[in-house]
């Protein structure tokens, strides 16, 4: 990873519409938040990149209400029209790919290619969802009753809560929010407080796309801690589905809350993956696979390798080369 100079960082933030201090809540407009001031730290240098003023419980309520209101408008848009908005978001992300990739690298500590790759995932998701917007099919069936036909039609679910983690600060939102959008659902995004600037930059880009299409504010944001944003979102009956990425303990906690209110959970949780290397393995090939699986993306993947099972005949050689 290349460590950018303060002047380069300042220029990058300016191009993405970020300031030294940023609002942590968007509800159709940026709110004047009054929560704690949280600095986003560059892990490569230990220096602050910029700061975000967290959302309070009252700010969360405004964002949640905006998301619910936007849903009732957005669900009436024809699905192909919703897909066109997503297509335009994908184009906007293409235009800002280099800057967004650099910001992800600064906030998370990924190498440059990984930061760019994460933004490309967002673009790919937009392309996929444009096609999906014209493929929301349902079955047509014969009825046992004379002069009757039966068919199924999928309806929008409602506002969706997306809780993303530090390791993929923008791609996880896109996986959820773009599918939700073409299906007619709005999204409230709670990003990690360790990487809030990337989320704010993406929200600003999405805001301009929505405004250009006179679309309701379907992509909203609330940066805050578990008490002000996370727990209220999980318990909020206006959100029939919560998608959350993080630790297993976090998933268990949110899963219980959602189960209690019969909400739907989409959980992507951390793992403890192992790689088996057998006696007849190509050690050099295995070495490259193990190294990237363990430390690629700064070691921050839900699929990161944390254990090795080595055949005793190649164990010493493999460990020595790995070190």
Protein backbone atom coordinates (compact mmCIF):
# COMPACT_ATOMS: atom_id res chain seq x y z
CA UNK A 1 0.00 0.00 0.00
CA UNK A 2 1.26 3.50 -0.85
CA UNK A 3 1.05 5.94 2.05
CA UNK A 4 -0.47 9.16 0.70
CA UNK A 5 0.79 12.56 1.82
CA UNK A 6 -1.53 14.82 3.86
CA UNK A 7 -1.98 17.01 0.78
CA UNK A 8 -2.96 13.99 -1.31
CA UNK A 9 -5.43 12.86 1.34
CA UNK A 10 -6.97 16.33 1.54
CA UNK A 11 -7.37 16.43 -2.25
CA UNK A 12 -8.92 12.95 -2.26
CA UNK A 13 -11.45 13.88 0.41
CA UNK A 14 -12.38 17.03 -1.47
CA UNK A 15 -13.01 15.13 -4.70
CA UNK A 16 -15.35 12.77 -2.85
CA UNK A 17 -17.22 15.57 -1.09
CA UNK A 18 -15.76 14.85 2.34
CA UNK A 19 -14.62 17.43 4.90
CA UNK A 20 -12.46 17.31 8.01
CA UNK A 21 -15.66 16.76 9.99
CA UNK A 22 -18.66 15.05 8.42
CA UNK A 23 -22.27 14.39 9.33
CA UNK A 24 -22.96 10.78 10.20
CA UNK A 25 -26.59 10.68 9.09
CA UNK A 26 -28.40 11.03 5.77
CA UNK A 27 -32.20 11.01 5.58
CA UNK A 28 -32.93 12.53 2.22
CA UNK A 29 -30.63 15.34 3.35
CA UNK A 30 -27.56 15.42 5.56
CA UNK A 31 -28.53 15.94 9.19
CA UNK A 32 -26.71 18.11 11.70
CA UNK A 33 -25.73 15.23 13.94
CA UNK A 34 -24.73 15.80 17.56
CA UNK A 35 -23.28 12.48 18.68
CA UNK A 36 -19.65 11.76 19.58
CA UNK A 37 -16.94 12.83 17.14
CA UNK A 38 -15.22 9.70 15.82
CA UNK A 39 -11.96 9.85 13.88
CA UNK A 40 -11.26 7.46 11.04
CA UNK A 41 -7.69 6.26 11.50
CA UNK A 42 -5.37 5.21 8.69
CA UNK A 43 -3.98 1.88 10.01
CA UNK A 44 -0.81 2.29 7.93
CA UNK A 45 0.19 5.52 9.66
CA UNK A 46 -1.92 5.75 12.81
CA UNK A 47 -3.00 9.24 11.75
CA UNK A 48 -6.57 10.46 11.46
CA UNK A 49 -7.93 10.82 7.92
CA UNK A 50 -11.04 12.81 8.87
CA UNK A 51 -13.78 12.67 11.48
CA UNK A 52 -17.49 11.87 11.60
CA UNK A 53 -20.06 13.24 14.01
CA UNK A 54 -22.08 10.19 15.00
CA UNK A 55 -25.84 9.92 14.80
CA UNK A 56 -27.82 10.02 18.03
CA UNK A 57 -30.95 8.02 18.82
CA UNK A 58 -33.02 10.98 17.64
CA UNK A 59 -31.03 11.12 14.39
CA UNK A 60 -31.61 7.41 13.90
CA UNK A 61 -35.35 7.94 14.21
CA UNK A 62 -35.29 10.57 11.46
CA UNK A 63 -33.28 8.29 9.17
CA UNK A 64 -35.56 5.31 9.86
CA UNK A 65 -38.68 7.38 9.22
CA UNK A 66 -37.22 8.68 5.95
CA UNK A 67 -36.42 5.13 4.84
CA UNK A 68 -39.94 3.94 5.62
CA UNK A 69 -41.52 6.87 3.79
CA UNK A 70 -39.25 6.45 0.76
CA UNK A 71 -40.18 2.77 0.53
CA UNK A 72 -43.87 3.52 0.05
CA UNK A 73 -43.02 5.75 -2.94
CA UNK A 74 -40.24 3.63 -4.43
CA UNK A 75 -42.21 0.36 -4.38
CA UNK A 76 -44.61 1.87 -6.92
CA UNK A 77 -41.88 2.59 -9.46
CA UNK A 78 -41.78 -0.03 -12.25
CA UNK A 79 -38.94 -2.44 -11.65
CA UNK A 80 -37.12 -1.58 -14.93
CA UNK A 81 -37.20 2.11 -13.92
CA UNK A 82 -35.68 1.15 -10.58
CA UNK A 83 -33.04 -0.78 -12.51
CA UNK A 84 -32.21 2.31 -14.54
CA UNK A 85 -31.42 4.23 -11.34
CA UNK A 86 -29.14 1.40 -10.25
CA UNK A 87 -27.48 1.43 -13.68
CA UNK A 88 -26.71 5.12 -13.28
CA UNK A 89 -25.29 4.47 -9.82
CA UNK A 90 -22.98 1.86 -11.36
CA UNK A 91 -21.79 4.42 -13.91
CA UNK A 92 -21.18 6.98 -11.17
CA UNK A 93 -19.14 4.43 -9.23
CA UNK A 94 -17.08 3.75 -12.37
CA UNK A 95 -16.29 7.45 -12.60
CA UNK A 96 -15.13 7.52 -8.98
CA UNK A 97 -13.53 4.07 -8.85
CA UNK A 98 -9.94 5.26 -8.41
CA UNK A 99 -10.79 7.70 -5.63
CA UNK A 100 -13.10 5.31 -3.79
CA UNK A 101 -10.55 2.51 -4.06
CA UNK A 102 -7.90 4.79 -2.59
CA UNK A 103 -10.20 5.80 0.27
CA UNK A 104 -10.95 2.16 1.08
CA UNK A 105 -7.22 1.49 1.12
CA UNK A 106 -6.60 4.42 3.47
CA UNK A 107 -9.36 3.48 5.89
CA UNK A 108 -8.95 -0.30 5.98
CA UNK A 109 -5.29 -0.89 5.15
CA UNK A 110 -5.87 -3.06 2.09
CA UNK A 111 -3.36 -2.96 -0.74
CA UNK A 112 -4.35 -0.69 -3.60
CA UNK A 113 -5.52 -3.49 -5.88
CA UNK A 114 -7.80 -4.83 -3.16
CA UNK A 115 -9.34 -1.40 -2.58
CA UNK A 116 -10.03 -1.04 -6.29
CA UNK A 117 -11.32 -4.60 -6.42
CA UNK A 118 -13.87 -3.87 -3.73
CA UNK A 119 -15.24 -0.90 -5.67
CA UNK A 120 -15.35 -3.10 -8.78
CA UNK A 121 -17.56 -5.49 -6.82
CA UNK A 122 -20.02 -2.63 -6.37
CA UNK A 123 -19.95 -1.90 -10.10
CA UNK A 124 -20.44 -5.58 -10.94
CA UNK A 125 -23.37 -5.71 -8.54
CA UNK A 126 -24.98 -2.75 -10.28
CA UNK A 127 -24.60 -4.46 -13.67
CA UNK A 128 -26.14 -7.66 -12.29
CA UNK A 129 -29.09 -5.84 -10.74
CA UNK A 130 -29.90 -3.91 -13.91
CA UNK A 131 -30.62 -7.25 -15.56
CA UNK A 132 -32.40 -8.52 -12.46
CA UNK A 133 -34.84 -5.59 -12.64
CA UNK A 134 -36.33 -7.16 -15.79
CA UNK A 135 -36.38 -10.70 -14.40
CA UNK A 136 -38.57 -10.53 -11.31
CA UNK A 137 -40.59 -13.43 -12.62
CA UNK A 138 -43.45 -15.39 -11.06
CA UNK A 139 -45.13 -18.65 -11.98
CA UNK A 140 -48.37 -18.90 -13.94
CA UNK A 141 -50.43 -21.95 -12.96
CA UNK A 142 -53.63 -23.71 -14.00
CA UNK A 143 -56.44 -23.62 -11.51
CA UNK A 144 -58.77 -26.48 -10.59
CA UNK A 145 -61.63 -23.97 -10.81
CA UNK A 146 -63.21 -23.35 -14.24
CA UNK A 147 -62.43 -20.00 -15.93
CA UNK A 148 -59.72 -19.19 -13.38
CA UNK A 149 -55.97 -18.71 -13.66
CA UNK A 150 -53.44 -18.47 -10.88
CA UNK A 151 -50.16 -16.60 -10.86
CA UNK A 152 -47.58 -15.48 -8.33
CA UNK A 153 -46.16 -12.02 -8.13
CA UNK A 154 -43.32 -11.00 -5.85
CA UNK A 155 -43.91 -7.81 -3.87
CA UNK A 156 -41.34 -5.53 -2.22
CA UNK A 157 -40.55 -6.58 1.34
CA UNK A 158 -40.01 -3.17 2.96
CA UNK A 159 -37.16 -1.06 4.29
CA UNK A 160 -34.01 -3.15 4.79
CA UNK A 161 -31.32 -2.53 7.41
CA UNK A 162 -27.72 -3.17 6.35
CA UNK A 163 -25.03 -3.43 9.03
CA UNK A 164 -21.59 -3.69 7.42
CA UNK A 165 -18.21 -4.45 8.94
CA UNK A 166 -14.75 -2.89 8.82
CA UNK A 167 -13.23 -5.37 6.39
CA UNK A 168 -15.45 -4.60 3.36
CA UNK A 169 -16.67 -1.05 3.99
CA UNK A 170 -18.52 -0.54 0.68
CA UNK A 171 -19.01 -3.82 -1.21
CA UNK A 172 -21.29 -5.40 1.40
CA UNK A 173 -23.65 -2.44 1.18
CA UNK A 174 -23.82 -2.80 -2.61
CA UNK A 175 -24.56 -6.53 -2.41
CA UNK A 176 -27.62 -5.73 -0.32
CA UNK A 177 -28.73 -2.23 -1.33
CA UNK A 178 -28.74 -2.73 -5.09
CA UNK A 179 -30.77 -5.93 -4.98
CA UNK A 180 -33.12 -4.27 -2.49
CA UNK A 181 -33.48 -1.26 -4.80
CA UNK A 182 -34.55 -3.20 -7.89
CA UNK A 183 -36.95 -5.22 -5.77
CA UNK A 184 -38.59 -1.99 -4.58
CA UNK A 185 -37.05 -1.74 -1.11
CA UNK A 186 -35.27 1.14 0.60
CA UNK A 187 -32.12 0.69 2.68
CA UNK A 188 -30.77 2.11 5.93
CA UNK A 189 -27.02 1.57 6.15
CA UNK A 190 -25.15 1.34 9.45
CA UNK A 191 -21.47 1.11 8.50
CA UNK A 192 -18.61 0.25 10.81
CA UNK A 193 -17.41 3.19 12.89
CA UNK A 194 -13.88 2.13 11.94
CA UNK A 195 -14.51 2.89 8.25
CA UNK A 196 -17.28 5.49 8.05
CA UNK A 197 -15.74 7.80 5.44
CA UNK A 198 -16.07 5.25 2.64
CA UNK A 199 -19.76 4.85 3.47
CA UNK A 200 -20.33 8.60 3.49
CA UNK A 201 -18.54 9.00 0.16
CA UNK A 202 -20.69 6.29 -1.44
CA UNK A 203 -23.86 7.80 0.02
CA UNK A 204 -22.96 11.18 -1.47
CA UNK A 205 -22.54 9.60 -4.90
CA UNK A 206 -25.85 7.74 -4.52
CA UNK A 207 -27.54 10.93 -3.36
CA UNK A 208 -26.65 12.70 -6.61
CA UNK A 209 -27.96 9.81 -8.70
CA UNK A 210 -31.28 9.81 -6.84
CA UNK A 211 -31.62 13.57 -7.18
CA UNK A 212 -30.95 13.41 -10.93
CA UNK A 213 -33.85 10.96 -11.29
CA UNK A 214 -36.23 12.73 -8.91
CA UNK A 215 -36.24 9.49 -6.91
CA UNK A 216 -37.13 9.16 -3.22
CA UNK A 217 -34.23 8.81 -0.72
CA UNK A 218 -34.00 5.03 -0.73
CA UNK A 219 -30.33 4.88 0.28
CA UNK A 220 -30.00 6.35 3.77
CA UNK A 221 -27.18 6.26 6.30
CA UNK A 222 -26.68 6.32 10.06
CA UNK A 223 -23.17 6.14 11.51
CA UNK A 224 -23.27 5.39 15.21
CA UNK A 225 -22.58 2.89 17.94
CA UNK A 226 -24.58 -0.15 18.93
CA UNK A 227 -26.72 1.72 21.44
CA UNK A 228 -27.71 4.70 19.27
CA UNK A 229 -28.11 2.91 15.93
CA UNK A 230 -27.35 -0.82 15.92
CA UNK A 231 -29.73 -2.05 18.62
CA UNK A 232 -32.63 0.24 17.61
CA UNK A 233 -32.28 -0.87 13.99
CA UNK A 234 -32.32 -4.57 14.89
CA UNK A 235 -35.44 -4.09 17.02
CA UNK A 236 -37.26 -1.74 14.62
CA UNK A 237 -40.41 -3.40 13.28
CA UNK A 238 -40.42 -1.02 10.30
CA UNK A 239 -37.49 -3.05 8.97
CA UNK A 240 -38.71 -6.57 8.15
CA UNK A 241 -35.19 -7.66 7.19
CA UNK A 242 -31.75 -6.96 8.61
CA UNK A 243 -28.56 -7.95 6.79
CA UNK A 244 -25.58 -7.92 9.13
CA UNK A 245 -21.91 -8.73 8.61
CA UNK A 246 -19.60 -9.22 11.58
CA UNK A 247 -18.67 -11.59 14.37
CA UNK A 248 -20.54 -14.72 15.36
CA UNK A 249 -21.45 -13.15 18.71
CA UNK A 250 -22.91 -10.14 16.90
CA UNK A 251 -24.92 -12.45 14.66
CA UNK A 252 -26.31 -14.40 17.60
CA UNK A 253 -27.35 -11.18 19.32
CA UNK A 254 -29.10 -9.73 16.26
CA UNK A 255 -30.60 -13.08 15.32
CA UNK A 256 -32.33 -13.37 18.70
CA UNK A 257 -33.80 -9.87 18.44
CA UNK A 258 -35.09 -10.52 14.93
CA UNK A 259 -36.52 -13.90 15.87
CA UNK A 260 -38.39 -12.31 18.75
CA UNK A 261 -40.20 -9.96 16.35
CA UNK A 262 -40.41 -12.50 13.49
CA UNK A 263 -38.05 -10.44 11.35
CA UNK A 264 -35.79 -11.92 8.69
CA UNK A 265 -32.04 -12.16 9.18
CA UNK A 266 -29.32 -12.34 6.53
CA UNK A 267 -26.11 -12.93 8.48
CA UNK A 268 -22.57 -13.14 7.13
CA UNK A 269 -20.37 -14.01 10.07
CA UNK A 270 -16.70 -14.64 10.75
CA UNK A 271 -15.18 -18.08 10.42
CA UNK A 272 -12.11 -20.06 11.39
CA UNK A 273 -11.08 -21.57 8.09
CA UNK A 274 -8.36 -24.16 7.70
CA UNK A 275 -6.28 -25.36 4.76
CA UNK A 276 -5.12 -28.97 4.43
CA UNK A 277 -1.76 -29.54 2.71
CA UNK A 278 -1.09 -33.17 1.87
CA UNK A 279 2.21 -35.02 1.43
CA UNK A 280 2.06 -34.89 -2.38
CA UNK A 281 1.06 -31.21 -2.62
CA UNK A 282 2.95 -28.66 -4.71
CA UNK A 283 4.45 -26.81 -1.74
CA UNK A 284 5.19 -23.60 -3.67
CA UNK A 285 1.65 -23.46 -5.03
CA UNK A 286 0.21 -24.19 -1.58
CA UNK A 287 2.47 -21.53 -0.07
CA UNK A 288 1.08 -18.80 -2.31
CA UNK A 289 -2.50 -19.90 -1.61
CA UNK A 290 -1.96 -20.01 2.15
CA UNK A 291 -0.17 -16.67 2.27
CA UNK A 292 -2.88 -14.79 0.41
CA UNK A 293 -5.68 -16.59 2.24
CA UNK A 294 -4.14 -15.61 5.58
CA UNK A 295 -2.98 -12.03 5.01
CA UNK A 296 -4.66 -10.86 1.80
CA UNK A 297 -7.11 -8.01 2.44
CA UNK A 298 -5.01 -7.30 5.56
CA UNK A 299 -6.24 -10.60 6.98
CA UNK A 300 -9.75 -9.20 7.19
CA UNK A 301 -12.11 -11.64 5.46
CA UNK A 302 -14.83 -13.86 6.81
CA UNK A 303 -13.02 -16.56 4.78
CA UNK A 304 -9.52 -15.74 6.04
CA UNK A 305 -7.35 -18.79 6.75
CA UNK A 306 -6.45 -19.13 10.42
CA UNK A 307 -5.37 -22.76 10.68
CA UNK A 308 -3.10 -25.11 8.71
CA UNK A 309 -3.26 -28.90 8.67
CA UNK A 310 0.13 -30.01 7.33
CA UNK A 311 1.23 -33.55 6.60
CA UNK A 312 4.23 -34.24 8.81
CA UNK A 313 6.48 -35.04 5.83
CA UNK A 314 6.21 -31.46 4.45
CA UNK A 315 5.32 -29.58 7.64
CA UNK A 316 8.83 -28.27 8.44
CA UNK A 317 9.48 -27.12 4.86
CA UNK A 318 6.08 -25.47 4.58
CA UNK A 319 6.41 -23.61 7.87
CA UNK A 320 9.91 -22.42 7.08
CA UNK A 321 8.89 -21.07 3.67
CA UNK A 322 5.79 -19.46 5.11
CA UNK A 323 7.82 -17.59 7.73
